[in-house]
Amino acid sequence: MGSKQSKRSSKIGKESSAVAPAPTYFPNTEGHYNSFEDSSGSTLPQQGISRTASQAFRAGSSEAVQAVLTRVEALAQKRVRDGFSEFNFSLGVLNCFLVTFTFCAYPQHFWILFLAESCVLFPLKIVTLSRTKPLNNVLYLLDYCWVTNMAGTIFLFF
């Protein structure tokens, strides 16, 4: 049994020595990573690399960050053109506070606020969705939430 184990270990040793290790980068006397060591241990110069690793990382990171910021800014401009703005967002948040306050402080009058907002916001949403492309966004109004709110509005009218 000992001979089988030694044969296996010798096979393993032969297989692992056949695979050459990956080249490793190391700093030269100036601190630049412009040389690497191959499997034989000899040093081969890398041409065109004259920055330290941290400088290369910072340069690559700043380029990536600039690209992301440019894309985010373009998306922000598109959102503003589509109607999203700080003013509209603030108006929506204030509306949430108004609805909550009315529901808690004056529940007997909540239906008036709901009816008034529904008469303005539902047609606005329908017009906005009918102008979008593709036109099948109008089917979004068949969602359970929209159907029940529209049914509640119709019920309050009649």
C-alpha atoms as a PDB file:
ATOM      1  CA  MET A   1       0.000   0.000   0.000  1.00  0.00           C
ATOM      2  CA  GLY A   2       2.907   2.312   0.637  1.00  0.00           C
ATOM      3  CA  SER A   3       4.123   1.889  -2.930  1.00  0.00           C
ATOM      4  CA  LYS A   4       0.750   2.987  -4.363  1.00  0.00           C
ATOM      5  CA  GLN A   5       0.865   6.124  -2.292  1.00  0.00           C
ATOM      6  CA  SER A   6       4.403   6.982  -3.439  1.00  0.00           C
ATOM      7  CA  LYS A   7       3.406   6.440  -7.083  1.00  0.00           C
ATOM      8  CA  ARG A   8       0.482   8.828  -6.626  1.00  0.00           C
ATOM      9  CA  SER A   9       2.622  11.468  -4.988  1.00  0.00           C
ATOM     10  CA  SER A  10       5.221  11.182  -7.736  1.00  0.00           C
ATOM     11  CA  LYS A  11       2.473  11.604 -10.362  1.00  0.00           C
ATOM     12  CA  ILE A  12       1.132  14.631  -8.539  1.00  0.00           C
ATOM     13  CA  GLY A  13       4.588  16.120  -8.359  1.00  0.00           C
ATOM     14  CA  LYS A  14       5.130  15.618 -12.091  1.00  0.00           C
ATOM     15  CA  GLU A  15       1.767  17.189 -12.970  1.00  0.00           C
ATOM     16  CA  SER A  16       2.284  20.233 -10.808  1.00  0.00           C
ATOM     17  CA  SER A  17       5.771  20.872 -12.149  1.00  0.00           C
ATOM     18  CA  ALA A  18       4.419  20.805 -15.715  1.00  0.00           C
ATOM     19  CA  VAL A  19       2.228  23.835 -15.065  1.00  0.00           C
ATOM     20  CA  ALA A  20       4.186  27.073 -15.215  1.00  0.00           C
ATOM     21  CA  PRO A  21       3.285  29.661 -12.576  1.00  0.00           C
ATOM     22  CA  ALA A  22       1.766  32.917 -13.738  1.00  0.00           C
ATOM     23  CA  PRO A  23       4.160  35.838 -14.121  1.00  0.00           C
ATOM     24  CA  THR A  24       4.395  38.049 -11.071  1.00  0.00           C
ATOM     25  CA  TYR A  25       4.884  41.789 -11.143  1.00  0.00           C
ATOM     26  CA  PHE A  26       7.329  43.404  -8.752  1.00  0.00           C
ATOM     27  CA  PRO A  27       8.582  46.946  -8.236  1.00  0.00           C
ATOM     28  CA  ASN A  28      11.990  47.931  -9.572  1.00  0.00           C
ATOM     29  CA  THR A  29      14.414  50.278  -7.823  1.00  0.00           C
ATOM     30  CA  GLU A  30      12.296  53.343  -8.699  1.00  0.00           C
ATOM     31  CA  GLY A  31       9.133  51.719  -7.318  1.00  0.00           C
ATOM     32  CA  HIS A  32       7.559  51.216 -10.757  1.00  0.00           C
ATOM     33  CA  TYR A  33       5.867  47.984 -11.750  1.00  0.00           C
ATOM     34  CA  ASN A  34       7.506  47.708 -15.132  1.00  0.00           C
ATOM     35  CA  SER A  35       9.145  44.284 -14.976  1.00  0.00           C
ATOM     36  CA  PHE A  36       7.920  40.781 -14.377  1.00  0.00           C
ATOM     37  CA  GLU A  37       9.409  37.459 -13.552  1.00  0.00           C
ATOM     38  CA  ASP A  38       8.603  34.491 -15.757  1.00  0.00           C
ATOM     39  CA  SER A  39       8.586  30.814 -14.728  1.00  0.00           C
ATOM     40  CA  SER A  40      12.350  30.461 -15.215  1.00  0.00           C
ATOM     41  CA  GLY A  41      13.064  33.309 -12.840  1.00  0.00           C
ATOM     42  CA  SER A  42      14.430  35.688 -15.459  1.00  0.00           C
ATOM     43  CA  THR A  43      13.297  39.291 -15.515  1.00  0.00           C
ATOM     44  CA  LEU A  44      11.682  40.683 -18.646  1.00  0.00           C
ATOM     45  CA  PRO A  45      11.003  44.430 -19.007  1.00  0.00           C
ATOM     46  CA  GLN A  46       7.485  45.613 -19.807  1.00  0.00           C
ATOM     47  CA  GLN A  47       7.452  48.460 -22.277  1.00  0.00           C
ATOM     48  CA  GLY A  48       5.104  51.412 -21.912  1.00  0.00           C
ATOM     49  CA  ILE A  49       4.352  50.965 -18.204  1.00  0.00           C
ATOM     50  CA  SER A  50       5.907  53.762 -16.194  1.00  0.00           C
ATOM     51  CA  ARG A  51       3.340  54.293 -13.414  1.00  0.00           C
ATOM     52  CA  THR A  52       3.110  52.718 -10.028  1.00  0.00           C
ATOM     53  CA  ALA A  53       0.225  50.352  -9.420  1.00  0.00           C
ATOM     54  CA  SER A  54      -1.606  52.889  -7.263  1.00  0.00           C
ATOM     55  CA  GLN A  55      -1.220  55.586  -9.938  1.00  0.00           C
ATOM     56  CA  ALA A  56      -2.559  53.241 -12.606  1.00  0.00           C
ATOM     57  CA  PHE A  57      -5.469  52.273 -10.368  1.00  0.00           C
ATOM     58  CA  ARG A  58      -6.293  55.917  -9.601  1.00  0.00           C
ATOM     59  CA  ALA A  59      -6.139  56.877 -13.283  1.00  0.00           C
ATOM     60  CA  GLY A  60      -8.371  53.953 -14.273  1.00  0.00           C
ATOM     61  CA  SER A  61     -10.745  54.660 -11.407  1.00  0.00           C
ATOM     62  CA  SER A  62     -11.046  58.358 -12.211  1.00  0.00           C
ATOM     63  CA  GLU A  63     -11.770  57.575 -15.870  1.00  0.00           C
ATOM     64  CA  ALA A  64     -14.458  55.072 -14.836  1.00  0.00           C
ATOM     65  CA  VAL A  65     -15.960  57.487 -12.318  1.00  0.00           C
ATOM     66  CA  GLN A  66     -16.060  60.261 -14.929  1.00  0.00           C
ATOM     67  CA  ALA A  67     -17.802  57.943 -17.399  1.00  0.00           C
ATOM     68  CA  VAL A  68     -20.391  56.953 -14.781  1.00  0.00           C
ATOM     69  CA  LEU A  69     -20.972  60.580 -13.747  1.00  0.00           C
ATOM     70  CA  THR A  70     -21.443  61.611 -17.374  1.00  0.00           C
ATOM     71  CA  ARG A  71     -24.020  58.831 -17.858  1.00  0.00           C
ATOM     72  CA  VAL A  72     -25.838  59.716 -14.620  1.00  0.00           C
ATOM     73  CA  GLU A  73     -25.963  63.386 -15.619  1.00  0.00           C
ATOM     74  CA  ALA A  74     -27.417  62.459 -19.024  1.00  0.00           C
ATOM     75  CA  LEU A  75     -30.077  60.323 -17.330  1.00  0.00           C
ATOM     76  CA  ALA A  76     -30.865  63.141 -14.900  1.00  0.00           C
ATOM     77  CA  GLN A  77     -31.379  65.568 -17.785  1.00  0.00           C
ATOM     78  CA  LYS A  78     -33.688  63.045 -19.480  1.00  0.00           C
ATOM     79  CA  ARG A  79     -35.713  62.670 -16.274  1.00  0.00           C
ATOM     80  CA  VAL A  80     -36.090  66.455 -15.971  1.00  0.00           C
ATOM     81  CA  ARG A  81     -37.327  66.603 -19.590  1.00  0.00           C
ATOM     82  CA  ASP A  82     -39.819  63.835 -18.732  1.00  0.00           C
ATOM     83  CA  GLY A  83     -41.227  65.862 -15.841  1.00  0.00           C
ATOM     84  CA  PHE A  84     -39.228  64.635 -12.884  1.00  0.00           C
ATOM     85  CA  SER A  85     -37.793  67.533 -10.938  1.00  0.00           C
ATOM     86  CA  GLU A  86     -37.118  68.582  -7.378  1.00  0.00           C
ATOM     87  CA  PHE A  87     -40.265  70.677  -7.412  1.00  0.00           C
ATOM     88  CA  ASN A  88     -42.485  67.813  -8.571  1.00  0.00           C
ATOM     89  CA  PHE A  89     -40.892  65.461  -6.062  1.00  0.00           C
ATOM     90  CA  SER A  90     -41.402  67.950  -3.221  1.00  0.00           C
ATOM     91  CA  LEU A  91     -45.004  68.452  -4.301  1.00  0.00           C
ATOM     92  CA  GLY A  92     -45.585  64.700  -4.171  1.00  0.00           C
ATOM     93  CA  VAL A  93     -44.071  64.398  -0.694  1.00  0.00           C
ATOM     94  CA  LEU A  94     -46.155  67.324   0.581  1.00  0.00           C
ATOM     95  CA  ASN A  95     -49.240  65.668  -0.911  1.00  0.00           C
ATOM     96  CA  CYS A  96     -48.453  62.502   1.069  1.00  0.00           C
ATOM     97  CA  PHE A  97     -48.306  64.567   4.263  1.00  0.00           C
ATOM     98  CA  LEU A  98     -51.560  66.352   3.378  1.00  0.00           C
ATOM     99  CA  VAL A  99     -53.388  63.085   2.697  1.00  0.00           C
ATOM    100  CA  THR A 100     -52.070  61.525   5.921  1.00  0.00           C
ATOM    101  CA  PHE A 101     -52.949  64.588   7.985  1.00  0.00           C
ATOM    102  CA  THR A 102     -56.448  64.785   6.505  1.00  0.00           C
ATOM    103  CA  PHE A 103     -57.064  61.080   7.039  1.00  0.00           C
ATOM    104  CA  CYS A 104     -55.921  61.272  10.696  1.00  0.00           C
ATOM    105  CA  ALA A 105     -57.223  64.674  11.777  1.00  0.00           C
ATOM    106  CA  TYR A 106     -60.422  64.975   9.713  1.00  0.00           C
ATOM    107  CA  PRO A 107     -61.454  61.485   8.551  1.00  0.00           C
ATOM    108  CA  GLN A 108     -65.018  62.635   7.880  1.00  0.00           C
ATOM    109  CA  HIS A 109     -63.677  65.008   5.180  1.00  0.00           C
ATOM    110  CA  PHE A 110     -61.099  62.696   3.613  1.00  0.00           C
ATOM    111  CA  TRP A 111     -63.452  61.766   0.789  1.00  0.00           C
ATOM    112  CA  ILE A 112     -63.485  65.384  -0.387  1.00  0.00           C
ATOM    113  CA  LEU A 113     -59.690  65.500  -0.716  1.00  0.00           C
ATOM    114  CA  PHE A 114     -59.655  62.082  -2.408  1.00  0.00           C
ATOM    115  CA  LEU A 115     -62.319  63.124  -4.893  1.00  0.00           C
ATOM    116  CA  ALA A 116     -60.631  66.462  -5.670  1.00  0.00           C
ATOM    117  CA  GLU A 117     -57.222  64.854  -6.253  1.00  0.00           C
ATOM    118  CA  SER A 118     -58.725  61.997  -8.260  1.00  0.00           C
ATOM    119  CA  CYS A 119     -60.491  64.395 -10.617  1.00  0.00           C
ATOM    120  CA  VAL A 120     -57.185  66.102 -11.364  1.00  0.00           C
ATOM    121  CA  LEU A 121     -54.596  63.320 -11.153  1.00  0.00           C
ATOM    122  CA  PHE A 122     -56.425  60.459 -12.909  1.00  0.00           C
ATOM    123  CA  PRO A 123     -57.034  62.336 -16.182  1.00  0.00           C
ATOM    124  CA  LEU A 124     -53.470  63.674 -16.028  1.00  0.00           C
ATOM    125  CA  LYS A 125     -52.126  60.128 -15.667  1.00  0.00           C
ATOM    126  CA  ILE A 126     -54.313  58.827 -18.504  1.00  0.00           C
ATOM    127  CA  VAL A 127     -53.139  61.593 -20.857  1.00  0.00           C
ATOM    128  CA  THR A 128     -49.499  61.059 -19.886  1.00  0.00           C
ATOM    129  CA  LEU A 129     -49.682  57.299 -20.440  1.00  0.00           C
ATOM    130  CA  SER A 130     -51.499  57.691 -23.760  1.00  0.00           C
ATOM    131  CA  ARG A 131     -48.625  59.845 -25.054  1.00  0.00           C
ATOM    132  CA  THR A 132     -45.918  57.349 -24.107  1.00  0.00           C
ATOM    133  CA  LYS A 133     -44.359  54.925 -26.511  1.00  0.00           C
ATOM    134  CA  PRO A 134     -45.087  52.058 -26.722  1.00  0.00           C
ATOM    135  CA  LEU A 135     -48.794  52.684 -26.425  1.00  0.00           C
ATOM    136  CA  ASN A 136     -49.337  49.493 -24.421  1.00  0.00           C
ATOM    137  CA  ASN A 137     -48.303  51.445 -21.303  1.00  0.00           C
ATOM    138  CA  VAL A 138     -51.974  52.465 -21.125  1.00  0.00           C
ATOM    139  CA  LEU A 139     -52.702  48.881 -20.039  1.00  0.00           C
ATOM    140  CA  TYR A 140     -50.924  49.780 -16.802  1.00  0.00           C
ATOM    141  CA  LEU A 141     -54.208  51.438 -15.798  1.00  0.00           C
ATOM    142  CA  LEU A 142     -55.813  47.976 -15.635  1.00  0.00           C
ATOM    143  CA  ASP A 143     -53.718  47.214 -12.564  1.00  0.00           C
ATOM    144  CA  TYR A 144     -55.814  46.344  -9.499  1.00  0.00           C
ATOM    145  CA  CYS A 145     -54.779  49.496  -7.621  1.00  0.00           C
ATOM    146  CA  TRP A 146     -55.805  51.826 -10.450  1.00  0.00           C
ATOM    147  CA  VAL A 147     -59.075  49.998 -11.098  1.00  0.00           C
ATOM    148  CA  THR A 148     -60.146  50.096  -7.438  1.00  0.00           C
ATOM    149  CA  ASN A 149     -59.223  53.772  -7.056  1.00  0.00           C
ATOM    150  CA  MET A 150     -61.112  54.709 -10.211  1.00  0.00           C
ATOM    151  CA  ALA A 151     -64.087  52.625  -9.053  1.00  0.00           C
ATOM    152  CA  GLY A 152     -63.950  54.429  -5.672  1.00  0.00           C
ATOM    153  CA  THR A 153     -63.936  57.791  -7.440  1.00  0.00           C
ATOM    154  CA  ILE A 154     -66.914  56.834  -9.593  1.00  0.00           C
ATOM    155  CA  PHE A 155     -68.735  55.551  -6.488  1.00  0.00           C
ATOM    156  CA  LEU A 156     -68.139  58.867  -4.701  1.00  0.00           C
ATOM    157  CA  PHE A 157     -69.623  60.785  -7.638  1.00  0.00           C
ATOM    158  CA  PHE A 158     -72.821  58.774  -7.767  1.00  0.00           C
END
